[in-house]
Amino acid sequence: MFELYFPDEIKAANKQILPHLGKLTPITDNMSDAAKLAIIQHEFDRLYDPRHPVRNNLETLDSVDVVRTIREALKK
């Protein structure tokens, strides 16, 4: 979400997410629930790998001033 509203700040901090998503496997209405769940699990496992940039950038997103400021304001 932050990348959509603050693209320059996120890019300057090298915390982009969208370019690192890769080709996500599509889910369609005609798939079984089990097939949908398998795709979701596969994509989660791929993106949550400790070496994947999406996970690393999400975990360190608070290093971007605008993100930290917003999150701190929401805690109040």
PDB file of N, CA and C in Angstrom:
ATOM      1  N   MET A   1       0.817  -1.180   0.000  1.00  0.00           N
ATOM      2  CA  MET A   1       0.000   0.000   0.000  1.00  0.00           C
ATOM      3  C   MET A   1       0.871   1.257   0.000  1.00  0.00           C
ATOM      4  N   PHE A   2       1.893   1.294   0.828  1.00  0.00           N
ATOM      5  CA  PHE A   2       2.747   2.469   0.906  1.00  0.00           C
ATOM      6  C   PHE A   2       3.415   2.758  -0.429  1.00  0.00           C
ATOM      7  N   GLU A   3       3.743   1.717  -1.152  1.00  0.00           N
ATOM      8  CA  GLU A   3       4.426   1.896  -2.438  1.00  0.00           C
ATOM      9  C   GLU A   3       3.531   2.607  -3.452  1.00  0.00           C
ATOM     10  N   LEU A   4       2.228   2.433  -3.318  1.00  0.00           N
ATOM     11  CA  LEU A   4       1.303   3.091  -4.232  1.00  0.00           C
ATOM     12  C   LEU A   4       1.165   4.578  -3.928  1.00  0.00           C
ATOM     13  N   TYR A   5       1.212   4.937  -2.648  1.00  0.00           N
ATOM     14  CA  TYR A   5       1.028   6.323  -2.245  1.00  0.00           C
ATOM     15  C   TYR A   5       2.335   7.114  -2.179  1.00  0.00           C
ATOM     16  N   PHE A   6       3.428   6.441  -1.901  1.00  0.00           N
ATOM     17  CA  PHE A   6       4.729   7.099  -1.756  1.00  0.00           C
ATOM     18  C   PHE A   6       5.796   6.410  -2.612  1.00  0.00           C
ATOM     19  N   PRO A   7       5.581   6.327  -3.907  1.00  0.00           N
ATOM     20  CA  PRO A   7       6.504   5.560  -4.751  1.00  0.00           C
ATOM     21  C   PRO A   7       7.927   6.108  -4.745  1.00  0.00           C
ATOM     22  N   ASP A   8       8.076   7.413  -4.713  1.00  0.00           N
ATOM     23  CA  ASP A   8       9.428   7.990  -4.747  1.00  0.00           C
ATOM     24  C   ASP A   8      10.205   7.669  -3.478  1.00  0.00           C
ATOM     25  N   GLU A   9       9.530   7.790  -2.329  1.00  0.00           N
ATOM     26  CA  GLU A   9      10.190   7.530  -1.054  1.00  0.00           C
ATOM     27  C   GLU A   9      10.573   6.053  -0.916  1.00  0.00           C
ATOM     28  N   ILE A  10       9.675   5.173  -1.340  1.00  0.00           N
ATOM     29  CA  ILE A  10       9.932   3.732  -1.251  1.00  0.00           C
ATOM     30  C   ILE A  10      11.063   3.338  -2.201  1.00  0.00           C
ATOM     31  N   LYS A  11      11.044   3.892  -3.396  1.00  0.00           N
ATOM     32  CA  LYS A  11      12.095   3.582  -4.367  1.00  0.00           C
ATOM     33  C   LYS A  11      13.448   4.115  -3.903  1.00  0.00           C
ATOM     34  N   ALA A  12      13.461   5.331  -3.352  1.00  0.00           N
ATOM     35  CA  ALA A  12      14.713   5.926  -2.873  1.00  0.00           C
ATOM     36  C   ALA A  12      15.328   5.102  -1.743  1.00  0.00           C
ATOM     37  N   ALA A  13      14.471   4.481  -0.934  1.00  0.00           N
ATOM     38  CA  ALA A  13      14.949   3.654   0.175  1.00  0.00           C
ATOM     39  C   ALA A  13      15.238   2.224  -0.264  1.00  0.00           C
ATOM     40  N   ASN A  14      15.006   1.921  -1.536  1.00  0.00           N
ATOM     41  CA  ASN A  14      15.218   0.577  -2.077  1.00  0.00           C
ATOM     42  C   ASN A  14      14.379  -0.469  -1.326  1.00  0.00           C
ATOM     43  N   LYS A  15      13.108  -0.126  -1.075  1.00  0.00           N
ATOM     44  CA  LYS A  15      12.187  -1.018  -0.362  1.00  0.00           C
ATOM     45  C   LYS A  15      10.995  -1.395  -1.223  1.00  0.00           C
ATOM     46  N   GLN A  16      11.154  -1.381  -2.534  1.00  0.00           N
ATOM     47  CA  GLN A  16      10.060  -1.703  -3.427  1.00  0.00           C
ATOM     48  C   GLN A  16       9.625  -3.158  -3.273  1.00  0.00           C
ATOM     49  N   ILE A  17       8.322  -3.365  -3.457  1.00  0.00           N
ATOM     50  CA  ILE A  17       7.735  -4.698  -3.351  1.00  0.00           C
ATOM     51  C   ILE A  17       7.249  -5.168  -4.723  1.00  0.00           C
ATOM     52  N   LEU A  18       6.507  -4.318  -5.393  1.00  0.00           N
ATOM     53  CA  LEU A  18       5.853  -4.715  -6.643  1.00  0.00           C
ATOM     54  C   LEU A  18       6.790  -5.297  -7.688  1.00  0.00           C
ATOM     55  N   PRO A  19       7.973  -4.731  -7.911  1.00  0.00           N
ATOM     56  CA  PRO A  19       8.853  -5.321  -8.932  1.00  0.00           C
ATOM     57  C   PRO A  19       9.358  -6.722  -8.573  1.00  0.00           C
ATOM     58  N   HIS A  20       9.281  -7.091  -7.302  1.00  0.00           N
ATOM     59  CA  HIS A  20       9.815  -8.376  -6.859  1.00  0.00           C
ATOM     60  C   HIS A  20       8.751  -9.473  -6.735  1.00  0.00           C
ATOM     61  N   LEU A  21       7.512  -9.133  -7.041  1.00  0.00           N
ATOM     62  CA  LEU A  21       6.454 -10.141  -6.930  1.00  0.00           C
ATOM     63  C   LEU A  21       6.596 -11.239  -7.963  1.00  0.00           C
ATOM     64  N   GLY A  22       7.125 -10.890  -9.116  1.00  0.00           N
ATOM     65  CA  GLY A  22       7.252 -11.889 -10.170  1.00  0.00           C
ATOM     66  C   GLY A  22       5.901 -12.192 -10.780  1.00  0.00           C
ATOM     67  N   LYS A  23       5.816 -13.278 -11.475  1.00  0.00           N
ATOM     68  CA  LYS A  23       4.558 -13.675 -12.102  1.00  0.00           C
ATOM     69  C   LYS A  23       3.762 -14.495 -11.098  1.00  0.00           C
ATOM     70  N   LEU A  24       2.705 -13.884 -10.573  1.00  0.00           N
ATOM     71  CA  LEU A  24       1.838 -14.577  -9.620  1.00  0.00           C
ATOM     72  C   LEU A  24       0.913 -15.523 -10.373  1.00  0.00           C
ATOM     73  N   THR A  25       0.700 -16.696  -9.823  1.00  0.00           N
ATOM     74  CA  THR A  25      -0.191 -17.673 -10.433  1.00  0.00           C
ATOM     75  C   THR A  25      -1.632 -17.193 -10.275  1.00  0.00           C
ATOM     76  N   PRO A  26      -2.374 -17.100 -11.365  1.00  0.00           N
ATOM     77  CA  PRO A  26      -3.748 -16.601 -11.272  1.00  0.00           C
ATOM     78  C   PRO A  26      -4.680 -17.617 -10.611  1.00  0.00           C
ATOM     79  N   ILE A  27      -5.689 -17.084  -9.956  1.00  0.00           N
ATOM     80  CA  ILE A  27      -6.761 -17.893  -9.367  1.00  0.00           C
ATOM     81  C   ILE A  27      -8.039 -17.526 -10.112  1.00  0.00           C
ATOM     82  N   THR A  28      -8.770 -18.545 -10.538  1.00  0.00           N
ATOM     83  CA  THR A  28     -10.006 -18.301 -11.275  1.00  0.00           C
ATOM     84  C   THR A  28     -11.206 -18.874 -10.519  1.00  0.00           C
ATOM     85  N   ASP A  29     -12.374 -18.393 -10.867  1.00  0.00           N
ATOM     86  CA  ASP A  29     -13.599 -18.842 -10.207  1.00  0.00           C
ATOM     87  C   ASP A  29     -13.895 -20.318 -10.440  1.00  0.00           C
ATOM     88  N   ASN A  30     -13.454 -20.864 -11.551  1.00  0.00           N
ATOM     89  CA  ASN A  30     -13.786 -22.254 -11.863  1.00  0.00           C
ATOM     90  C   ASN A  30     -12.829 -23.261 -11.206  1.00  0.00           C
ATOM     91  N   MET A  31     -11.871 -22.781 -10.423  1.00  0.00           N
ATOM     92  CA  MET A  31     -10.964 -23.693  -9.698  1.00  0.00           C
ATOM     93  C   MET A  31     -11.631 -24.198  -8.428  1.00  0.00           C
ATOM     94  N   SER A  32     -11.232 -25.371  -8.022  1.00  0.00           N
ATOM     95  CA  SER A  32     -11.728 -25.893  -6.749  1.00  0.00           C
ATOM     96  C   SER A  32     -11.092 -25.109  -5.612  1.00  0.00           C
ATOM     97  N   ASP A  33     -11.722 -25.173  -4.445  1.00  0.00           N
ATOM     98  CA  ASP A  33     -11.159 -24.497  -3.278  1.00  0.00           C
ATOM     99  C   ASP A  33      -9.780 -25.051  -2.945  1.00  0.00           C
ATOM    100  N   ALA A  34      -9.601 -26.353  -3.128  1.00  0.00           N
ATOM    101  CA  ALA A  34      -8.307 -26.977  -2.837  1.00  0.00           C
ATOM    102  C   ALA A  34      -7.225 -26.439  -3.782  1.00  0.00           C
ATOM    103  N   ALA A  35      -7.569 -26.261  -5.048  1.00  0.00           N
ATOM    104  CA  ALA A  35      -6.607 -25.730  -6.016  1.00  0.00           C
ATOM    105  C   ALA A  35      -6.258 -24.286  -5.687  1.00  0.00           C
ATOM    106  N   LYS A  36      -7.264 -23.501  -5.311  1.00  0.00           N
ATOM    107  CA  LYS A  36      -7.021 -22.105  -4.924  1.00  0.00           C
ATOM    108  C   LYS A  36      -6.109 -22.043  -3.705  1.00  0.00           C
ATOM    109  N   LEU A  37      -6.396 -22.868  -2.728  1.00  0.00           N
ATOM    110  CA  LEU A  37      -5.599 -22.895  -1.510  1.00  0.00           C
ATOM    111  C   LEU A  37      -4.156 -23.317  -1.800  1.00  0.00           C
ATOM    112  N   ALA A  38      -3.980 -24.263  -2.688  1.00  0.00           N
ATOM    113  CA  ALA A  38      -2.629 -24.712  -3.051  1.00  0.00           C
ATOM    114  C   ALA A  38      -1.833 -23.577  -3.704  1.00  0.00           C
ATOM    115  N   ILE A  39      -2.482 -22.810  -4.562  1.00  0.00           N
ATOM    116  CA  ILE A  39      -1.810 -21.673  -5.201  1.00  0.00           C
ATOM    117  C   ILE A  39      -1.439 -20.628  -4.164  1.00  0.00           C
ATOM    118  N   ILE A  40      -2.368 -20.307  -3.295  1.00  0.00           N
ATOM    119  CA  ILE A  40      -2.108 -19.311  -2.247  1.00  0.00           C
ATOM    120  C   ILE A  40      -0.950 -19.758  -1.367  1.00  0.00           C
ATOM    121  N   GLN A  41      -0.945 -21.005  -0.968  1.00  0.00           N
ATOM    122  CA  GLN A  41       0.126 -21.522  -0.118  1.00  0.00           C
ATOM    123  C   GLN A  41       1.470 -21.476  -0.834  1.00  0.00           C
ATOM    124  N   HIS A  42       1.479 -21.855  -2.094  1.00  0.00           N
ATOM    125  CA  HIS A  42       2.716 -21.839  -2.877  1.00  0.00           C
ATOM    126  C   HIS A  42       3.279 -20.420  -2.983  1.00  0.00           C
ATOM    127  N   GLU A  43       2.421 -19.467  -3.316  1.00  0.00           N
ATOM    128  CA  GLU A  43       2.870 -18.080  -3.460  1.00  0.00           C
ATOM    129  C   GLU A  43       3.323 -17.511  -2.119  1.00  0.00           C
ATOM    130  N   PHE A  44       2.613 -17.840  -1.055  1.00  0.00           N
ATOM    131  CA  PHE A  44       3.020 -17.382   0.272  1.00  0.00           C
ATOM    132  C   PHE A  44       4.401 -17.926   0.620  1.00  0.00           C
ATOM    133  N   ASP A  45       4.599 -19.208   0.417  1.00  0.00           N
ATOM    134  CA  ASP A  45       5.892 -19.826   0.728  1.00  0.00           C
ATOM    135  C   ASP A  45       7.019 -19.185  -0.084  1.00  0.00           C
ATOM    136  N   ARG A  46       6.759 -18.904  -1.335  1.00  0.00           N
ATOM    137  CA  ARG A  46       7.770 -18.299  -2.204  1.00  0.00           C
ATOM    138  C   ARG A  46       8.126 -16.893  -1.725  1.00  0.00           C
ATOM    139  N   LEU A  47       7.110 -16.088  -1.440  1.00  0.00           N
ATOM    140  CA  LEU A  47       7.358 -14.692  -1.071  1.00  0.00           C
ATOM    141  C   LEU A  47       7.834 -14.536   0.369  1.00  0.00           C
ATOM    142  N   TYR A  48       7.538 -15.525   1.220  1.00  0.00           N
ATOM    143  CA  TYR A  48       7.912 -15.434   2.630  1.00  0.00           C
ATOM    144  C   TYR A  48       9.270 -16.063   2.916  1.00  0.00           C
ATOM    145  N   ASP A  49       9.909 -16.581   1.896  1.00  0.00           N
ATOM    146  CA  ASP A  49      11.250 -17.141   2.064  1.00  0.00           C
ATOM    147  C   ASP A  49      12.164 -16.048   2.622  1.00  0.00           C
ATOM    148  N   PRO A  50      12.971 -16.355   3.628  1.00  0.00           N
ATOM    149  CA  PRO A  50      13.844 -15.341   4.246  1.00  0.00           C
ATOM    150  C   PRO A  50      14.803 -14.662   3.273  1.00  0.00           C
ATOM    151  N   ARG A  51      15.078 -15.290   2.144  1.00  0.00           N
ATOM    152  CA  ARG A  51      15.986 -14.701   1.165  1.00  0.00           C
ATOM    153  C   ARG A  51      15.260 -13.866   0.107  1.00  0.00           C
ATOM    154  N   HIS A  52      13.930 -13.871   0.132  1.00  0.00           N
ATOM    155  CA  HIS A  52      13.177 -13.168  -0.914  1.00  0.00           C
ATOM    156  C   HIS A  52      13.087 -11.675  -0.606  1.00  0.00           C
ATOM    157  N   PRO A  53      13.300 -10.816  -1.610  1.00  0.00           N
ATOM    158  CA  PRO A  53      13.260  -9.372  -1.391  1.00  0.00           C
ATOM    159  C   PRO A  53      11.919  -8.856  -0.881  1.00  0.00           C
ATOM    160  N   VAL A  54      10.817  -9.501  -1.236  1.00  0.00           N
ATOM    161  CA  VAL A  54       9.514  -9.039  -0.745  1.00  0.00           C
ATOM    162  C   VAL A  54       9.466  -9.132   0.776  1.00  0.00           C
ATOM    163  N   ARG A  55       9.864 -10.265   1.300  1.00  0.00           N
ATOM    164  CA  ARG A  55       9.863 -10.419   2.762  1.00  0.00           C
ATOM    165  C   ARG A  55      10.829  -9.432   3.415  1.00  0.00           C
ATOM    166  N   ASN A  56      12.016  -9.349   2.892  1.00  0.00           N
ATOM    167  CA  ASN A  56      13.018  -8.451   3.480  1.00  0.00           C
ATOM    168  C   ASN A  56      12.557  -6.997   3.443  1.00  0.00           C
ATOM    169  N   ASN A  57      11.995  -6.568   2.333  1.00  0.00           N
ATOM    170  CA  ASN A  57      11.548  -5.188   2.229  1.00  0.00           C
ATOM    171  C   ASN A  57      10.345  -4.906   3.122  1.00  0.00           C
ATOM    172  N   LEU A  58       9.442  -5.855   3.240  1.00  0.00           N
ATOM    173  CA  LEU A  58       8.307  -5.669   4.144  1.00  0.00           C
ATOM    174  C   LEU A  58       8.756  -5.568   5.601  1.00  0.00           C
ATOM    175  N   GLU A  59       9.697  -6.406   5.975  1.00  0.00           N
ATOM    176  CA  GLU A  59      10.153  -6.419   7.365  1.00  0.00           C
ATOM    177  C   GLU A  59      10.944  -5.174   7.736  1.00  0.00           C
ATOM    178  N   THR A  60      11.508  -4.502   6.760  1.00  0.00           N
ATOM    179  CA  THR A  60      12.323  -3.317   7.050  1.00  0.00           C
ATOM    180  C   THR A  60      11.694  -2.030   6.521  1.00  0.00           C
ATOM    181  N   LEU A  61      10.434  -2.076   6.206  1.00  0.00           N
ATOM    182  CA  LEU A  61       9.738  -0.917   5.644  1.00  0.00           C
ATOM    183  C   LEU A  61       9.704   0.265   6.607  1.00  0.00           C
ATOM    184  N   ASP A  62       9.750  -0.005   7.893  1.00  0.00           N
ATOM    185  CA  ASP A  62       9.739   1.082   8.886  1.00  0.00           C
ATOM    186  C   ASP A  62      11.001   1.940   8.823  1.00  0.00           C
ATOM    187  N   SER A  63      11.988   1.522   8.084  1.00  0.00           N
ATOM    188  CA  SER A  63      13.183   2.353   7.936  1.00  0.00           C
ATOM    189  C   SER A  63      12.929   3.558   7.030  1.00  0.00           C
ATOM    190  N   VAL A  64      11.799   3.552   6.325  1.00  0.00           N
ATOM    191  CA  VAL A  64      11.405   4.686   5.488  1.00  0.00           C
ATOM    192  C   VAL A  64      10.647   5.675   6.379  1.00  0.00           C
ATOM    193  N   ASP A  65      11.119   6.909   6.420  1.00  0.00           N
ATOM    194  CA  ASP A  65      10.567   7.907   7.338  1.00  0.00           C
ATOM    195  C   ASP A  65       9.055   8.055   7.245  1.00  0.00           C
ATOM    196  N   VAL A  66       8.527   8.176   6.048  1.00  0.00           N
ATOM    197  CA  VAL A  66       7.092   8.395   5.897  1.00  0.00           C
ATOM    198  C   VAL A  66       6.294   7.197   6.412  1.00  0.00           C
ATOM    199  N   VAL A  67       6.774   6.008   6.206  1.00  0.00           N
ATOM    200  CA  VAL A  67       6.097   4.802   6.688  1.00  0.00           C
ATOM    201  C   VAL A  67       6.129   4.760   8.210  1.00  0.00           C
ATOM    202  N   ARG A  68       7.287   5.027   8.777  1.00  0.00           N
ATOM    203  CA  ARG A  68       7.431   5.018  10.232  1.00  0.00           C
ATOM    204  C   ARG A  68       6.513   6.061  10.874  1.00  0.00           C
ATOM    205  N   THR A  69       6.447   7.248  10.288  1.00  0.00           N
ATOM    206  CA  THR A  69       5.610   8.315  10.815  1.00  0.00           C
ATOM    207  C   THR A  69       4.135   7.913  10.808  1.00  0.00           C
ATOM    208  N   ILE A  70       3.689   7.335   9.724  1.00  0.00           N
ATOM    209  CA  ILE A  70       2.287   6.902   9.611  1.00  0.00           C
ATOM    210  C   ILE A  70       1.984   5.806  10.615  1.00  0.00           C
ATOM    211  N   ARG A  71       2.839   4.812  10.694  1.00  0.00           N
ATOM    212  CA  ARG A  71       2.591   3.699  11.621  1.00  0.00           C
ATOM    213  C   ARG A  71       2.594   4.175  13.070  1.00  0.00           C
ATOM    214  N   GLU A  72       3.476   5.078  13.407  1.00  0.00           N
ATOM    215  CA  GLU A  72       3.499   5.611  14.778  1.00  0.00           C
ATOM    216  C   GLU A  72       2.242   6.409  15.072  1.00  0.00           C
ATOM    217  N   ALA A  73       1.739   7.165  14.109  1.00  0.00           N
ATOM    218  CA  ALA A  73       0.515   7.940  14.285  1.00  0.00           C
ATOM    219  C   ALA A  73      -0.687   7.024  14.468  1.00  0.00           C
ATOM    220  N   LEU A  74      -0.692   5.889  13.796  1.00  0.00           N
ATOM    221  CA  LEU A  74      -1.803   4.952  13.910  1.00  0.00           C
ATOM    222  C   LEU A  74      -1.839   4.243  15.265  1.00  0.00           C
ATOM    223  N   LYS A  75      -0.712   4.163  15.937  1.00  0.00           N
ATOM    224  CA  LYS A  75      -0.649   3.518  17.251  1.00  0.00           C
ATOM    225  C   LYS A  75      -1.323   4.344  18.325  1.00  0.00           C
ATOM    226  N   LYS A  76      -1.441   5.649  18.091  1.00  0.00           N
ATOM    227  CA  LYS A  76      -1.997   6.554  19.103  1.00  0.00           C
ATOM    228  C   LYS A  76      -3.487   6.501  19.173  1.00  0.00           C
TER     229      LYS A  76
END
